[in-house]
Amino acid sequence: MANPNQGPTTGLTPHIAIADKRGGEAIDFYKRAFGATENMRMPAEDGVRLMHAHLTINGASLMMHDDFPEYSGHAMSPPTGVTLHLHVDDTDAWFKRAMEAGASSTLEPHDAFWGDRYAQVKDPFGHLWSIGAPIKGEK
């Protein structure tokens, strides 16, 4: 029987890889930075790397694992081309918490032309996160 905490079975769920055997560290960061809930953590047989984890952040699932170049045929390089977006209630508060947890700012919070208060941060593992909420008073 499948483990219900392993991850979602429908929809589209980001599944990110963490380089340098830092999966456990990444889980702890996401808890501090984004209020993540850890649903499942499965260590690899080597006892060092993370085989699989399922987190919930802001009501959505995020799956993750440590890099396993022996299975993919190549080592992970810093991720490019993907931004994980958080639609939140208060952009400034979420941005501040991420920065205090160790993220770096790539775009300071500002009122964007499309009607959101918007910011971007890079986590210590190279993943880019955007944070947005409707500008108060706008719909």
Protein backbone atom coordinates (compact mmCIF):
# COMPACT_ATOMS: atom_id res chain seq x y z
CA MET A 1 0.00 0.00 0.00
CA ALA A 2 1.28 3.46 -0.89
CA ASN A 3 2.31 5.85 1.86
CA PRO A 4 -0.18 8.79 1.82
CA ASN A 5 2.58 11.18 2.94
CA GLN A 6 4.88 10.21 0.05
CA GLY A 7 3.39 12.91 -2.18
CA PRO A 8 0.38 13.90 -4.26
CA THR A 9 -1.04 11.56 -6.86
CA THR A 10 -2.68 14.15 -9.14
CA GLY A 11 -1.84 17.52 -10.63
CA LEU A 12 1.61 18.97 -11.14
CA THR A 13 4.10 18.99 -8.26
CA PRO A 14 7.60 20.45 -8.34
CA HIS A 15 10.26 17.88 -7.44
CA ILE A 16 13.61 19.55 -6.86
CA ALA A 17 17.10 18.11 -6.49
CA ILE A 18 19.54 19.40 -3.90
CA ALA A 19 23.26 19.24 -4.66
CA ASP A 20 26.10 18.40 -2.28
CA LYS A 21 24.18 16.06 0.06
CA ARG A 22 22.34 19.00 1.66
CA GLY A 23 18.73 17.70 1.44
CA GLY A 24 18.22 17.64 5.22
CA GLU A 25 19.63 21.15 5.47
CA ALA A 26 17.24 22.26 2.71
CA ILE A 27 14.24 20.86 4.59
CA ASP A 28 15.25 22.80 7.70
CA PHE A 29 15.70 25.98 5.61
CA TYR A 30 12.25 25.64 3.98
CA LYS A 31 10.68 25.22 7.42
CA ARG A 32 12.30 28.46 8.65
CA ALA A 33 11.96 30.46 5.43
CA PHE A 34 8.52 29.43 4.18
CA GLY A 35 6.82 27.69 7.12
CA ALA A 36 7.06 24.27 5.45
CA THR A 37 5.54 21.20 7.03
CA GLU A 38 7.55 17.99 6.63
CA ASN A 39 5.19 15.17 5.63
CA MET A 40 7.77 12.51 4.87
CA ARG A 41 11.54 12.04 4.85
CA MET A 42 13.16 8.91 3.44
CA PRO A 43 16.94 8.62 3.84
CA ALA A 44 18.96 6.82 1.18
CA GLU A 45 20.58 3.47 1.88
CA ASP A 46 23.96 5.19 2.30
CA GLY A 47 22.57 6.90 5.43
CA VAL A 48 23.90 10.26 4.23
CA ARG A 49 21.76 11.41 1.33
CA LEU A 50 18.04 12.11 1.13
CA MET A 51 16.22 9.69 -1.18
CA HIS A 52 12.85 11.48 -1.01
CA ALA A 53 10.97 14.07 0.99
CA HIS A 54 7.49 15.53 0.74
CA LEU A 55 6.86 18.99 2.16
CA THR A 56 3.81 21.23 2.21
CA ILE A 57 4.45 24.94 1.75
CA ASN A 58 1.59 27.43 1.78
CA GLY A 59 -0.92 24.64 1.08
CA ALA A 60 0.99 23.10 -1.86
CA SER A 61 3.24 20.07 -2.14
CA LEU A 62 6.97 20.18 -2.84
CA MET A 63 8.92 16.98 -3.33
CA MET A 64 12.69 16.88 -3.13
CA HIS A 65 15.73 14.64 -3.02
CA ASP A 66 19.50 14.82 -2.90
CA ASP A 67 21.41 14.58 -6.15
CA PHE A 68 22.20 11.02 -7.30
CA PRO A 69 24.56 11.39 -10.29
CA GLU A 70 25.10 7.64 -10.37
CA TYR A 71 21.46 7.27 -11.49
CA SER A 72 21.14 10.31 -13.78
CA GLY A 73 24.57 10.00 -15.40
CA HIS A 74 25.60 13.55 -14.51
CA ALA A 75 25.95 15.80 -11.49
CA MET A 76 23.43 18.52 -10.79
CA SER A 77 24.43 22.03 -11.72
CA PRO A 78 22.75 25.07 -10.21
CA PRO A 79 19.12 25.05 -11.36
CA THR A 80 18.10 27.38 -14.13
CA GLY A 81 14.93 28.19 -15.98
CA VAL A 82 12.49 27.43 -13.13
CA THR A 83 11.01 29.73 -10.52
CA LEU A 84 8.88 28.36 -7.69
CA HIS A 85 6.07 30.86 -7.06
CA LEU A 86 4.43 31.44 -3.68
CA HIS A 87 1.07 33.23 -3.78
CA VAL A 88 0.84 34.58 -0.23
CA ASP A 89 -1.12 36.92 2.00
CA ASP A 90 1.75 39.36 2.72
CA THR A 91 4.71 39.57 0.33
CA ASP A 92 6.82 41.70 2.64
CA ALA A 93 6.40 39.36 5.63
CA TRP A 94 7.22 36.24 3.58
CA PHE A 95 10.21 38.00 1.98
CA LYS A 96 11.51 39.12 5.38
CA ARG A 97 11.20 35.61 6.85
CA ALA A 98 13.03 34.09 3.87
CA MET A 99 15.84 36.64 4.17
CA GLU A 100 16.16 36.04 7.92
CA ALA A 101 16.41 32.29 7.23
CA GLY A 102 19.32 32.81 4.83
CA ALA A 103 17.86 33.47 1.37
CA SER A 104 19.40 36.16 -0.82
CA SER A 105 17.34 38.84 -2.51
CA THR A 106 17.22 38.85 -6.29
CA LEU A 107 14.33 41.34 -6.48
CA GLU A 108 13.21 43.51 -3.56
CA PRO A 109 9.48 43.70 -2.74
CA HIS A 110 7.74 46.25 -4.94
CA ASP A 111 4.34 47.07 -6.41
CA ALA A 112 4.43 45.40 -9.84
CA PHE A 113 2.57 46.73 -12.87
CA TRP A 114 0.24 43.68 -12.98
CA GLY A 115 -1.22 44.44 -9.53
CA ASP A 116 0.84 42.27 -7.20
CA ARG A 117 3.25 43.17 -4.44
CA TYR A 118 6.11 41.02 -5.76
CA ALA A 119 9.63 39.91 -4.81
CA GLN A 120 12.14 37.16 -5.60
CA VAL A 121 14.70 35.32 -3.48
CA LYS A 122 17.30 32.64 -4.11
CA ASP A 123 17.56 29.91 -1.50
CA PRO A 124 20.97 28.66 -0.29
CA PHE A 125 20.62 25.66 -2.66
CA GLY A 126 20.30 27.72 -5.85
CA HIS A 127 16.52 27.59 -6.33
CA LEU A 128 14.70 30.80 -7.27
CA TRP A 129 11.43 31.65 -5.48
CA SER A 130 8.99 34.41 -6.37
CA ILE A 131 6.66 35.77 -3.71
CA GLY A 132 3.51 37.64 -4.64
CA ALA A 133 0.25 38.95 -3.23
CA PRO A 134 -2.36 41.33 -4.63
CA ILE A 135 -1.59 44.93 -3.77
CA LYS A 136 -3.85 45.82 -0.85
CA GLY A 137 -7.01 47.50 -2.12
CA GLU A 138 -6.72 45.89 -5.59
CA LYS A 139 -8.40 42.73 -6.83
